[in-house]
Amino acid sequence: DQMLDSRGVSQNQLAKDTGISTSTLRNLNHNRTTRISFDVLEKICLY
């Protein structure tokens, strides 16, 4: 969330541009996930 705020990007925009589901991003942001795939991490970091 802090990284998105600093870049002026919303979760919805990140989801749209990367193909990562909004529910995956929402769960990640709210620490409601026990694992994250390397593919998702890579997409977020590249974006």
ModelCIF file with pLDDT and N, C-alpha, C, O atoms, coordinates in Angstrom:
data_MODEL
#
_entry.id   MODEL 
#
_entity.id                         1 
_entity.type                       polymer 
_entity.pdbx_number_of_molecules   1 
#
_entity_poly.entity_id                      1 
_entity_poly.type                           'polypeptide(L)' 
_entity_poly.nstd_linkage                   no 
_entity_poly.nstd_monomer                   no 
_entity_poly.pdbx_seq_one_letter_code       DQMLDSRGVSQNQLAKDTGISTSTLRNLNHNRTTRISFDVLEKICLY 
_entity_poly.pdbx_seq_one_letter_code_can   DQMLDSRGVSQNQLAKDTGISTSTLRNLNHNRTTRISFDVLEKICLY 
_entity_poly.pdbx_strand_id                 A 
#
loop_
_entity_poly_seq.entity_id 
_entity_poly_seq.num 
_entity_poly_seq.mon_id 
_entity_poly_seq.hetero 
1 1  ASP n 
1 2  GLN n 
1 3  MET n 
1 4  LEU n 
1 5  ASP n 
1 6  SER n 
1 7  ARG n 
1 8  GLY n 
1 9  VAL n 
1 10 SER n 
1 11 GLN n 
1 12 ASN n 
1 13 GLN n 
1 14 LEU n 
1 15 ALA n 
1 16 LYS n 
1 17 ASP n 
1 18 THR n 
1 19 GLY n 
1 20 ILE n 
1 21 SER n 
1 22 THR n 
1 23 SER n 
1 24 THR n 
1 25 LEU n 
1 26 ARG n 
1 27 ASN n 
1 28 LEU n 
1 29 ASN n 
1 30 HIS n 
1 31 ASN n 
1 32 ARG n 
1 33 THR n 
1 34 THR n 
1 35 ARG n 
1 36 ILE n 
1 37 SER n 
1 38 PHE n 
1 39 ASP n 
1 40 VAL n 
1 41 LEU n 
1 42 GLU n 
1 43 LYS n 
1 44 ILE n 
1 45 CYS n 
1 46 LEU n 
1 47 TYR n 
#
_struct_asym.id          A 
_struct_asym.entity_id   1 
#
loop_
_ma_qa_metric.id 
_ma_qa_metric.mode 
_ma_qa_metric.name 
_ma_qa_metric.software_group_id 
_ma_qa_metric.type 
1 global pLDDT . pLDDT 
2 local  pLDDT . pLDDT 
#
_ma_qa_metric_global.metric_id      1 
_ma_qa_metric_global.metric_value   92.38 
_ma_qa_metric_global.model_id       1 
_ma_qa_metric_global.ordinal_id     1 
#
loop_
_ma_qa_metric_local.label_asym_id 
_ma_qa_metric_local.label_comp_id 
_ma_qa_metric_local.label_seq_id 
_ma_qa_metric_local.metric_id 
_ma_qa_metric_local.metric_value 
_ma_qa_metric_local.model_id 
_ma_qa_metric_local.ordinal_id 
A ASP 1  2 89.00 1 1  
A GLN 2  2 90.00 1 2  
A MET 3  2 91.00 1 3  
A LEU 4  2 93.00 1 4  
A ASP 5  2 93.00 1 5  
A SER 6  2 92.00 1 6  
A ARG 7  2 92.00 1 7  
A GLY 8  2 94.00 1 8  
A VAL 9  2 94.00 1 9  
A SER 10 2 95.00 1 10 
A GLN 11 2 94.00 1 11 
A ASN 12 2 95.00 1 12 
A GLN 13 2 96.00 1 13 
A LEU 14 2 97.00 1 14 
A ALA 15 2 97.00 1 15 
A LYS 16 2 97.00 1 16 
A ASP 17 2 97.00 1 17 
A THR 18 2 96.00 1 18 
A GLY 19 2 97.00 1 19 
A ILE 20 2 96.00 1 20 
A SER 21 2 95.00 1 21 
A THR 22 2 94.00 1 22 
A SER 23 2 94.00 1 23 
A THR 24 2 93.00 1 24 
A LEU 25 2 94.00 1 25 
A ARG 26 2 92.00 1 26 
A ASN 27 2 91.00 1 27 
A LEU 28 2 89.00 1 28 
A ASN 29 2 86.00 1 29 
A HIS 30 2 85.00 1 30 
A ASN 31 2 83.00 1 31 
A ARG 32 2 86.00 1 32 
A THR 33 2 82.00 1 33 
A THR 34 2 81.00 1 34 
A ARG 35 2 85.00 1 35 
A ILE 36 2 87.00 1 36 
A SER 37 2 90.00 1 37 
A PHE 38 2 93.00 1 38 
A ASP 39 2 95.00 1 39 
A VAL 40 2 95.00 1 40 
A LEU 41 2 93.00 1 41 
A GLU 42 2 95.00 1 42 
A LYS 43 2 96.00 1 43 
A ILE 44 2 96.00 1 44 
A CYS 45 2 95.00 1 45 
A LEU 46 2 96.00 1 46 
A TYR 47 2 96.00 1 47 
#
loop_
_atom_site.group_PDB 
_atom_site.id 
_atom_site.type_symbol 
_atom_site.label_atom_id 
_atom_site.label_alt_id 
_atom_site.label_comp_id 
_atom_site.label_asym_id 
_atom_site.label_entity_id 
_atom_site.label_seq_id 
_atom_site.pdbx_PDB_ins_code 
_atom_site.Cartn_x 
_atom_site.Cartn_y 
_atom_site.Cartn_z 
_atom_site.occupancy 
_atom_site.B_iso_or_equiv 
_atom_site.pdbx_formal_charge 
_atom_site.auth_seq_id 
_atom_site.auth_comp_id 
_atom_site.auth_asym_id 
_atom_site.auth_atom_id 
_atom_site.pdbx_PDB_model_num 
ATOM 1   N N  . ASP A 1 1  ? 0.820  -1.213  0.000   1.00 89.00 ? 1  ASP A N  1 
ATOM 2   C CA . ASP A 1 1  ? 0.000  0.000   0.000   1.00 89.00 ? 1  ASP A CA 1 
ATOM 3   C C  . ASP A 1 1  ? 0.852  1.260   0.000   1.00 89.00 ? 1  ASP A C  1 
ATOM 4   O O  . ASP A 1 1  ? 0.574  2.208   -0.734  1.00 89.00 ? 1  ASP A O  1 
ATOM 5   N N  . GLN A 1 2  ? 1.896  1.264   0.831   1.00 90.00 ? 2  GLN A N  1 
ATOM 6   C CA . GLN A 1 2  ? 2.769  2.431   0.885   1.00 90.00 ? 2  GLN A CA 1 
ATOM 7   C C  . GLN A 1 2  ? 3.478  2.654   -0.455  1.00 90.00 ? 2  GLN A C  1 
ATOM 8   O O  . GLN A 1 2  ? 3.638  3.788   -0.908  1.00 90.00 ? 2  GLN A O  1 
ATOM 9   N N  . MET A 1 3  ? 3.896  1.555   -1.073  1.00 91.00 ? 3  MET A N  1 
ATOM 10  C CA . MET A 1 3  ? 4.571  1.657   -2.362  1.00 91.00 ? 3  MET A CA 1 
ATOM 11  C C  . MET A 1 3  ? 3.601  2.182   -3.431  1.00 91.00 ? 3  MET A C  1 
ATOM 12  O O  . MET A 1 3  ? 3.966  3.028   -4.248  1.00 91.00 ? 3  MET A O  1 
ATOM 13  N N  . LEU A 1 4  ? 2.380  1.678   -3.415  1.00 93.00 ? 4  LEU A N  1 
ATOM 14  C CA . LEU A 1 4  ? 1.382  2.161   -4.372  1.00 93.00 ? 4  LEU A CA 1 
ATOM 15  C C  . LEU A 1 4  ? 1.097  3.640   -4.150  1.00 93.00 ? 4  LEU A C  1 
ATOM 16  O O  . LEU A 1 4  ? 1.024  4.409   -5.109  1.00 93.00 ? 4  LEU A O  1 
ATOM 17  N N  . ASP A 1 5  ? 0.936  4.041   -2.898  1.00 93.00 ? 5  ASP A N  1 
ATOM 18  C CA . ASP A 1 5  ? 0.676  5.454   -2.586  1.00 93.00 ? 5  ASP A CA 1 
ATOM 19  C C  . ASP A 1 5  ? 1.809  6.342   -3.080  1.00 93.00 ? 5  ASP A C  1 
ATOM 20  O O  . ASP A 1 5  ? 1.568  7.402   -3.657  1.00 93.00 ? 5  ASP A O  1 
ATOM 21  N N  . SER A 1 6  ? 3.039  5.910   -2.853  1.00 92.00 ? 6  SER A N  1 
ATOM 22  C CA . SER A 1 6  ? 4.179  6.729   -3.259  1.00 92.00 ? 6  SER A CA 1 
ATOM 23  C C  . SER A 1 6  ? 4.287  6.853   -4.776  1.00 92.00 ? 6  SER A C  1 
ATOM 24  O O  . SER A 1 6  ? 4.863  7.813   -5.288  1.00 92.00 ? 6  SER A O  1 
ATOM 25  N N  . ARG A 1 7  ? 3.732  5.882   -5.489  1.00 92.00 ? 7  ARG A N  1 
ATOM 26  C CA . ARG A 1 7  ? 3.764  5.903   -6.958  1.00 92.00 ? 7  ARG A CA 1 
ATOM 27  C C  . ARG A 1 7  ? 2.478  6.492   -7.557  1.00 92.00 ? 7  ARG A C  1 
ATOM 28  O O  . ARG A 1 7  ? 2.395  6.702   -8.767  1.00 92.00 ? 7  ARG A O  1 
ATOM 29  N N  . GLY A 1 8  ? 1.478  6.757   -6.706  1.00 94.00 ? 8  GLY A N  1 
ATOM 30  C CA . GLY A 1 8  ? 0.209  7.290   -7.204  1.00 94.00 ? 8  GLY A CA 1 
ATOM 31  C C  . GLY A 1 8  ? -0.585 6.280   -8.011  1.00 94.00 ? 8  GLY A C  1 
ATOM 32  O O  . GLY A 1 8  ? -1.272 6.637   -8.967  1.00 94.00 ? 8  GLY A O  1 
ATOM 33  N N  . VAL A 1 9  ? -0.486 5.010   -7.619  1.00 94.00 ? 9  VAL A N  1 
ATOM 34  C CA . VAL A 1 9  ? -1.156 3.918   -8.328  1.00 94.00 ? 9  VAL A CA 1 
ATOM 35  C C  . VAL A 1 9  ? -2.154 3.254   -7.378  1.00 94.00 ? 9  VAL A C  1 
ATOM 36  O O  . VAL A 1 9  ? -1.841 3.011   -6.213  1.00 94.00 ? 9  VAL A O  1 
ATOM 37  N N  . SER A 1 10 ? -3.337 2.967   -7.873  1.00 95.00 ? 10 SER A N  1 
ATOM 38  C CA . SER A 1 10 ? -4.342 2.271   -7.058  1.00 95.00 ? 10 SER A CA 1 
ATOM 39  C C  . SER A 1 10 ? -4.196 0.765   -7.216  1.00 95.00 ? 10 SER A C  1 
ATOM 40  O O  . SER A 1 10 ? -3.574 0.284   -8.163  1.00 95.00 ? 10 SER A O  1 
ATOM 41  N N  . GLN A 1 11 ? -4.777 0.030   -6.277  1.00 94.00 ? 11 GLN A N  1 
ATOM 42  C CA . GLN A 1 11 ? -4.787 -1.428  -6.392  1.00 94.00 ? 11 GLN A CA 1 
ATOM 43  C C  . GLN A 1 11 ? -5.511 -1.852  -7.662  1.00 94.00 ? 11 GLN A C  1 
ATOM 44  O O  . GLN A 1 11 ? -5.091 -2.788  -8.342  1.00 94.00 ? 11 GLN A O  1 
ATOM 45  N N  . ASN A 1 12 ? -6.600 -1.158  -7.978  1.00 95.00 ? 12 ASN A N  1 
ATOM 46  C CA . ASN A 1 12 ? -7.360 -1.503  -9.183  1.00 95.00 ? 12 ASN A CA 1 
ATOM 47  C C  . ASN A 1 12 ? -6.528 -1.298  -10.446 1.00 95.00 ? 12 ASN A C  1 
ATOM 48  O O  . ASN A 1 12 ? -6.594 -2.109  -11.370 1.00 95.00 ? 12 ASN A O  1 
ATOM 49  N N  . GLN A 1 13 ? -5.745 -0.219  -10.491 1.00 96.00 ? 13 GLN A N  1 
ATOM 50  C CA . GLN A 1 13 ? -4.906 0.041   -11.653 1.00 96.00 ? 13 GLN A CA 1 
ATOM 51  C C  . GLN A 1 13 ? -3.805 -1.012  -11.758 1.00 96.00 ? 13 GLN A C  1 
ATOM 52  O O  . GLN A 1 13 ? -3.510 -1.498  -12.850 1.00 96.00 ? 13 GLN A O  1 
ATOM 53  N N  . LEU A 1 14 ? -3.200 -1.363  -10.625 1.00 97.00 ? 14 LEU A N  1 
ATOM 54  C CA . LEU A 1 14 ? -2.176 -2.404  -10.613 1.00 97.00 ? 14 LEU A CA 1 
ATOM 55  C C  . LEU A 1 14 ? -2.753 -3.724  -11.117 1.00 97.00 ? 14 LEU A C  1 
ATOM 56  O O  . LEU A 1 14 ? -2.124 -4.419  -11.914 1.00 97.00 ? 14 LEU A O  1 
ATOM 57  N N  . ALA A 1 15 ? -3.943 -4.063  -10.653 1.00 97.00 ? 15 ALA A N  1 
ATOM 58  C CA . ALA A 1 15 ? -4.597 -5.301  -11.087 1.00 97.00 ? 15 ALA A CA 1 
ATOM 59  C C  . ALA A 1 15 ? -4.856 -5.279  -12.589 1.00 97.00 ? 15 ALA A C  1 
ATOM 60  O O  . ALA A 1 15 ? -4.579 -6.250  -13.293 1.00 97.00 ? 15 ALA A O  1 
ATOM 61  N N  . LYS A 1 16 ? -5.384 -4.173  -13.062 1.00 97.00 ? 16 LYS A N  1 
ATOM 62  C CA . LYS A 1 16 ? -5.714 -4.053  -14.487 1.00 97.00 ? 16 LYS A CA 1 
ATOM 63  C C  . LYS A 1 16 ? -4.465 -4.157  -15.360 1.00 97.00 ? 16 LYS A C  1 
ATOM 64  O O  . LYS A 1 16 ? -4.474 -4.839  -16.385 1.00 97.00 ? 16 LYS A O  1 
ATOM 65  N N  . ASP A 1 17 ? -3.405 -3.488  -14.955 1.00 97.00 ? 17 ASP A N  1 
ATOM 66  C CA . ASP A 1 17 ? -2.198 -3.435  -15.779 1.00 97.00 ? 17 ASP A CA 1 
ATOM 67  C C  . ASP A 1 17 ? -1.334 -4.696  -15.702 1.00 97.00 ? 17 ASP A C  1 
ATOM 68  O O  . ASP A 1 17 ? -0.562 -4.972  -16.620 1.00 97.00 ? 17 ASP A O  1 
ATOM 69  N N  . THR A 1 18 ? -1.457 -5.461  -14.615 1.00 96.00 ? 18 THR A N  1 
ATOM 70  C CA . THR A 1 18 ? -0.608 -6.643  -14.450 1.00 96.00 ? 18 THR A CA 1 
ATOM 71  C C  . THR A 1 18 ? -1.347 -7.964  -14.652 1.00 96.00 ? 18 THR A C  1 
ATOM 72  O O  . THR A 1 18 ? -0.721 -9.003  -14.861 1.00 96.00 ? 18 THR A O  1 
ATOM 73  N N  . GLY A 1 19 ? -2.675 -7.924  -14.590 1.00 97.00 ? 19 GLY A N  1 
ATOM 74  C CA . GLY A 1 19 ? -3.443 -9.157  -14.701 1.00 97.00 ? 19 GLY A CA 1 
ATOM 75  C C  . GLY A 1 19 ? -3.566 -9.906  -13.384 1.00 97.00 ? 19 GLY A C  1 
ATOM 76  O O  . GLY A 1 19 ? -4.101 -11.013 -13.347 1.00 97.00 ? 19 GLY A O  1 
ATOM 77  N N  . ILE A 1 20 ? -3.072 -9.309  -12.301 1.00 96.00 ? 20 ILE A N  1 
ATOM 78  C CA . ILE A 1 20 ? -3.220 -9.911  -10.970 1.00 96.00 ? 20 ILE A CA 1 
ATOM 79  C C  . ILE A 1 20 ? -4.622 -9.573  -10.475 1.00 96.00 ? 20 ILE A C  1 
ATOM 80  O O  . ILE A 1 20 ? -5.061 -8.429  -10.593 1.00 96.00 ? 20 ILE A O  1 
ATOM 81  N N  . SER A 1 21 ? -5.321 -10.551 -9.926  1.00 95.00 ? 21 SER A N  1 
ATOM 82  C CA . SER A 1 21 ? -6.695 -10.302 -9.492  1.00 95.00 ? 21 SER A CA 1 
ATOM 83  C C  . SER A 1 21 ? -6.722 -9.300  -8.340  1.00 95.00 ? 21 SER A C  1 
ATOM 84  O O  . SER A 1 21 ? -5.806 -9.249  -7.520  1.00 95.00 ? 21 SER A O  1 
ATOM 85  N N  . THR A 1 22 ? -7.790 -8.506  -8.297  1.00 94.00 ? 22 THR A N  1 
ATOM 86  C CA . THR A 1 22 ? -7.933 -7.530  -7.215  1.00 94.00 ? 22 THR A CA 1 
ATOM 87  C C  . THR A 1 22 ? -8.048 -8.226  -5.869  1.00 94.00 ? 22 THR A C  1 
ATOM 88  O O  . THR A 1 22 ? -7.587 -7.695  -4.859  1.00 94.00 ? 22 THR A O  1 
ATOM 89  N N  . SER A 1 23 ? -8.654 -9.406  -5.839  1.00 94.00 ? 23 SER A N  1 
ATOM 90  C CA . SER A 1 23 ? -8.772 -10.122 -4.560  1.00 94.00 ? 23 SER A CA 1 
ATOM 91  C C  . SER A 1 23 ? -7.393 -10.570 -4.065  1.00 94.00 ? 23 SER A C  1 
ATOM 92  O O  . SER A 1 23 ? -7.135 -10.543 -2.862  1.00 94.00 ? 23 SER A O  1 
ATOM 93  N N  . THR A 1 24 ? -6.511 -10.979 -4.970  1.00 93.00 ? 24 THR A N  1 
ATOM 94  C CA . THR A 1 24 ? -5.154 -11.343 -4.576  1.00 93.00 ? 24 THR A CA 1 
ATOM 95  C C  . THR A 1 24 ? -4.430 -10.145 -3.989  1.00 93.00 ? 24 THR A C  1 
ATOM 96  O O  . THR A 1 24 ? -3.788 -10.261 -2.945  1.00 93.00 ? 24 THR A O  1 
ATOM 97  N N  . LEU A 1 25 ? -4.522 -9.001  -4.640  1.00 94.00 ? 25 LEU A N  1 
ATOM 98  C CA . LEU A 1 25 ? -3.869 -7.791  -4.147  1.00 94.00 ? 25 LEU A CA 1 
ATOM 99  C C  . LEU A 1 25 ? -4.472 -7.332  -2.826  1.00 94.00 ? 25 LEU A C  1 
ATOM 100 O O  . LEU A 1 25 ? -3.745 -6.927  -1.919  1.00 94.00 ? 25 LEU A O  1 
ATOM 101 N N  . ARG A 1 26 ? -5.788 -7.391  -2.713  1.00 92.00 ? 26 ARG A N  1 
ATOM 102 C CA . ARG A 1 26 ? -6.463 -6.994  -1.474  1.00 92.00 ? 26 ARG A CA 1 
ATOM 103 C C  . ARG A 1 26 ? -6.031 -7.888  -0.312  1.00 92.00 ? 26 ARG A C  1 
ATOM 104 O O  . ARG A 1 26 ? -5.723 -7.394  0.772   1.00 92.00 ? 26 ARG A O  1 
ATOM 105 N N  . ASN A 1 27 ? -6.008 -9.191  -0.536  1.00 91.00 ? 27 ASN A N  1 
ATOM 106 C CA . ASN A 1 27 ? -5.576 -10.122 0.516   1.00 91.00 ? 27 ASN A CA 1 
ATOM 107 C C  . ASN A 1 27 ? -4.121 -9.896  0.900   1.00 91.00 ? 27 ASN A C  1 
ATOM 108 O O  . ASN A 1 27 ? -3.764 -9.967  2.076   1.00 91.00 ? 27 ASN A O  1 
ATOM 109 N N  . LEU A 1 28 ? -3.290 -9.625  -0.087  1.00 89.00 ? 28 LEU A N  1 
ATOM 110 C CA . LEU A 1 28 ? -1.890 -9.347  0.183   1.00 89.00 ? 28 LEU A CA 1 
ATOM 111 C C  . LEU A 1 28 ? -1.744 -8.080  1.024   1.00 89.00 ? 28 LEU A C  1 
ATOM 112 O O  . LEU A 1 28 ? -0.991 -8.059  1.997   1.00 89.00 ? 28 LEU A O  1 
ATOM 113 N N  . ASN A 1 29 ? -2.457 -7.037  0.649   1.00 86.00 ? 29 ASN A N  1 
ATOM 114 C CA . ASN A 1 29 ? -2.378 -5.766  1.370   1.00 86.00 ? 29 ASN A CA 1 
ATOM 115 C C  . ASN A 1 29 ? -2.870 -5.861  2.805   1.00 86.00 ? 29 ASN A C  1 
ATOM 116 O O  . ASN A 1 29 ? -2.385 -5.143  3.679   1.00 86.00 ? 29 ASN A O  1 
ATOM 117 N N  . HIS A 1 30 ? -3.822 -6.732  3.048   1.00 85.00 ? 30 HIS A N  1 
ATOM 118 C CA . HIS A 1 30 ? -4.402 -6.863  4.393   1.00 85.00 ? 30 HIS A CA 1 
ATOM 119 C C  . HIS A 1 30 ? -3.812 -8.045  5.157   1.00 85.00 ? 30 HIS A C  1 
ATOM 120 O O  . HIS A 1 30 ? -4.380 -8.495  6.152   1.00 85.00 ? 30 HIS A O  1 
ATOM 121 N N  . ASN A 1 31 ? -2.667 -8.545  4.683   1.00 83.00 ? 31 ASN A N  1 
ATOM 122 C CA . ASN A 1 31 ? -1.985 -9.665  5.337   1.00 83.00 ? 31 ASN A CA 1 
ATOM 123 C C  . ASN A 1 31 ? -2.900 -10.860 5.589   1.00 83.00 ? 31 ASN A C  1 
ATOM 124 O O  . ASN A 1 31 ? -2.809 -11.517 6.626   1.00 83.00 ? 31 ASN A O  1 
ATOM 125 N N  . ARG A 1 32 ? -3.781 -11.134 4.631   1.00 86.00 ? 32 ARG A N  1 
ATOM 126 C CA . ARG A 1 32 ? -4.684 -12.277 4.738   1.00 86.00 ? 32 ARG A CA 1 
ATOM 127 C C  . ARG A 1 32 ? -4.264 -13.400 3.797   1.00 86.00 ? 32 ARG A C  1 
ATOM 128 O O  . ARG A 1 32 ? -5.099 -14.160 3.306   1.00 86.00 ? 32 ARG A O  1 
ATOM 129 N N  . THR A 1 33 ? -2.998 -13.491 3.561   1.00 82.00 ? 33 THR A N  1 
ATOM 130 C CA . THR A 1 33 ? -2.493 -14.556 2.703   1.00 82.00 ? 33 THR A CA 1 
ATOM 131 C C  . THR A 1 33 ? -1.316 -15.233 3.388   1.00 82.00 ? 33 THR A C  1 
ATOM 132 O O  . THR A 1 33 ? -0.565 -14.596 4.125   1.00 82.00 ? 33 THR A O  1 
ATOM 133 N N  . THR A 1 34 ? -1.163 -16.510 3.143   1.00 81.00 ? 34 THR A N  1 
ATOM 134 C CA . THR A 1 34 ? -0.062 -17.238 3.765   1.00 81.00 ? 34 THR A CA 1 
ATOM 135 C C  . THR A 1 34 ? 1.075  -17.479 2.786   1.00 81.00 ? 34 THR A C  1 
ATOM 136 O O  . THR A 1 34 ? 2.157  -17.911 3.183   1.00 81.00 ? 34 THR A O  1 
ATOM 137 N N  . ARG A 1 35 ? 0.836  -17.203 1.509   1.00 85.00 ? 35 ARG A N  1 
ATOM 138 C CA . ARG A 1 35 ? 1.889  -17.376 0.516   1.00 85.00 ? 35 ARG A CA 1 
ATOM 139 C C  . ARG A 1 35 ? 1.611  -16.475 -0.679  1.00 85.00 ? 35 ARG A C  1 
ATOM 140 O O  . ARG A 1 35 ? 0.484  -16.034 -0.907  1.00 85.00 ? 35 ARG A O  1 
ATOM 141 N N  . ILE A 1 36 ? 2.659  -16.220 -1.424  1.00 87.00 ? 36 ILE A N  1 
ATOM 142 C CA . ILE A 1 36 ? 2.545  -15.427 -2.645  1.00 87.00 ? 36 ILE A CA 1 
ATOM 143 C C  . ILE A 1 36 ? 3.484  -16.041 -3.668  1.00 87.00 ? 36 ILE A C  1 
ATOM 144 O O  . ILE A 1 36 ? 4.614  -16.409 -3.346  1.00 87.00 ? 36 ILE A O  1 
ATOM 145 N N  . SER A 1 37 ? 3.020  -16.149 -4.883  1.00 90.00 ? 37 SER A N  1 
ATOM 146 C CA . SER A 1 37 ? 3.842  -16.788 -5.912  1.00 90.00 ? 37 SER A CA 1 
ATOM 147 C C  . SER A 1 37 ? 4.927  -15.829 -6.400  1.00 90.00 ? 37 SER A C  1 
ATOM 148 O O  . SER A 1 37 ? 4.776  -14.609 -6.339  1.00 90.00 ? 37 SER A O  1 
ATOM 149 N N  . PHE A 1 38 ? 6.006  -16.404 -6.878  1.00 93.00 ? 38 PHE A N  1 
ATOM 150 C CA . PHE A 1 38 ? 7.091  -15.600 -7.434  1.00 93.00 ? 38 PHE A CA 1 
ATOM 151 C C  . PHE A 1 38 ? 6.620  -14.822 -8.656  1.00 93.00 ? 38 PHE A C  1 
ATOM 152 O O  . PHE A 1 38 ? 7.087  -13.711 -8.905  1.00 93.00 ? 38 PHE A O  1 
ATOM 153 N N  . ASP A 1 39 ? 5.693  -15.405 -9.419  1.00 95.00 ? 39 ASP A N  1 
ATOM 154 C CA . ASP A 1 39 ? 5.159  -14.714 -10.595 1.00 95.00 ? 39 ASP A CA 1 
ATOM 155 C C  . ASP A 1 39 ? 4.464  -13.422 -10.199 1.00 95.00 ? 39 ASP A C  1 
ATOM 156 O O  . ASP A 1 39 ? 4.653  -12.388 -10.839 1.00 95.00 ? 39 ASP A O  1 
ATOM 157 N N  . VAL A 1 40 ? 3.660  -13.482 -9.143  1.00 95.00 ? 40 VAL A N  1 
ATOM 158 C CA . VAL A 1 40 ? 2.944  -12.292 -8.677  1.00 95.00 ? 40 VAL A CA 1 
ATOM 159 C C  . VAL A 1 40 ? 3.938  -11.255 -8.166  1.00 95.00 ? 40 VAL A C  1 
ATOM 160 O O  . VAL A 1 40 ? 3.831  -10.074 -8.498  1.00 95.00 ? 40 VAL A O  1 
ATOM 161 N N  . LEU A 1 41 ? 4.900  -11.689 -7.366  1.00 93.00 ? 41 LEU A N  1 
ATOM 162 C CA . LEU A 1 41 ? 5.925  -10.764 -6.874  1.00 93.00 ? 41 LEU A CA 1 
ATOM 163 C C  . LEU A 1 41 ? 6.675  -10.105 -8.028  1.00 93.00 ? 41 LEU A C  1 
ATOM 164 O O  . LEU A 1 41 ? 6.921  -8.899  -8.015  1.00 93.00 ? 41 LEU A O  1 
ATOM 165 N N  . GLU A 1 42 ? 7.031  -10.899 -9.011  1.00 95.00 ? 42 GLU A N  1 
ATOM 166 C CA . GLU A 1 42 ? 7.766  -10.366 -10.159 1.00 95.00 ? 42 GLU A CA 1 
ATOM 167 C C  . GLU A 1 42 ? 6.941  -9.328  -10.912 1.00 95.00 ? 42 GLU A C  1 
ATOM 168 O O  . GLU A 1 42 ? 7.458  -8.271  -11.272 1.00 95.00 ? 42 GLU A O  1 
ATOM 169 N N  . LYS A 1 43 ? 5.676  -9.615  -11.152 1.00 96.00 ? 43 LYS A N  1 
ATOM 170 C CA . LYS A 1 43 ? 4.808  -8.669  -11.861 1.00 96.00 ? 43 LYS A CA 1 
ATOM 171 C C  . LYS A 1 43 ? 4.693  -7.356  -11.107 1.00 96.00 ? 43 LYS A C  1 
ATOM 172 O O  . LYS A 1 43 ? 4.779  -6.279  -11.698 1.00 96.00 ? 43 LYS A O  1 
ATOM 173 N N  . ILE A 1 44 ? 4.496  -7.452  -9.787  1.00 96.00 ? 44 ILE A N  1 
ATOM 174 C CA . ILE A 1 44 ? 4.369  -6.246  -8.965  1.00 96.00 ? 44 ILE A CA 1 
ATOM 175 C C  . ILE A 1 44 ? 5.668  -5.446  -9.006  1.00 96.00 ? 44 ILE A C  1 
ATOM 176 O O  . ILE A 1 44 ? 5.646  -4.233  -9.218  1.00 96.00 ? 44 ILE A O  1 
ATOM 177 N N  . CYS A 1 45 ? 6.785  -6.115  -8.806  1.00 95.00 ? 45 CYS A N  1 
ATOM 178 C CA . CYS A 1 45 ? 8.082  -5.431  -8.765  1.00 95.00 ? 45 CYS A CA 1 
ATOM 179 C C  . CYS A 1 45 ? 8.438  -4.807  -10.111 1.00 95.00 ? 45 CYS A C  1 
ATOM 180 O O  . CYS A 1 45 ? 8.946  -3.687  -10.158 1.00 95.00 ? 45 CYS A O  1 
ATOM 181 N N  . LEU A 1 46 ? 8.180  -5.510  -11.188 1.00 96.00 ? 46 LEU A N  1 
ATOM 182 C CA . LEU A 1 46 ? 8.447  -4.942  -12.513 1.00 96.00 ? 46 LEU A CA 1 
ATOM 183 C C  . LEU A 1 46 ? 7.582  -3.725  -12.770 1.00 96.00 ? 46 LEU A C  1 
ATOM 184 O O  . LEU A 1 46 ? 8.062  -2.710  -13.275 1.00 96.00 ? 46 LEU A O  1 
ATOM 185 N N  . TYR A 1 47 ? 6.314  -3.825  -12.426 1.00 96.00 ? 47 TYR A N  1 
ATOM 186 C CA . TYR A 1 47 ? 5.378  -2.711  -12.650 1.00 96.00 ? 47 TYR A CA 1 
ATOM 187 C C  . TYR A 1 47 ? 5.773  -1.484  -11.835 1.00 96.00 ? 47 TYR A C  1 
ATOM 188 O O  . TYR A 1 47 ? 5.099  -0.457  -11.900 1.00 96.00 ? 47 TYR A O  1 
#
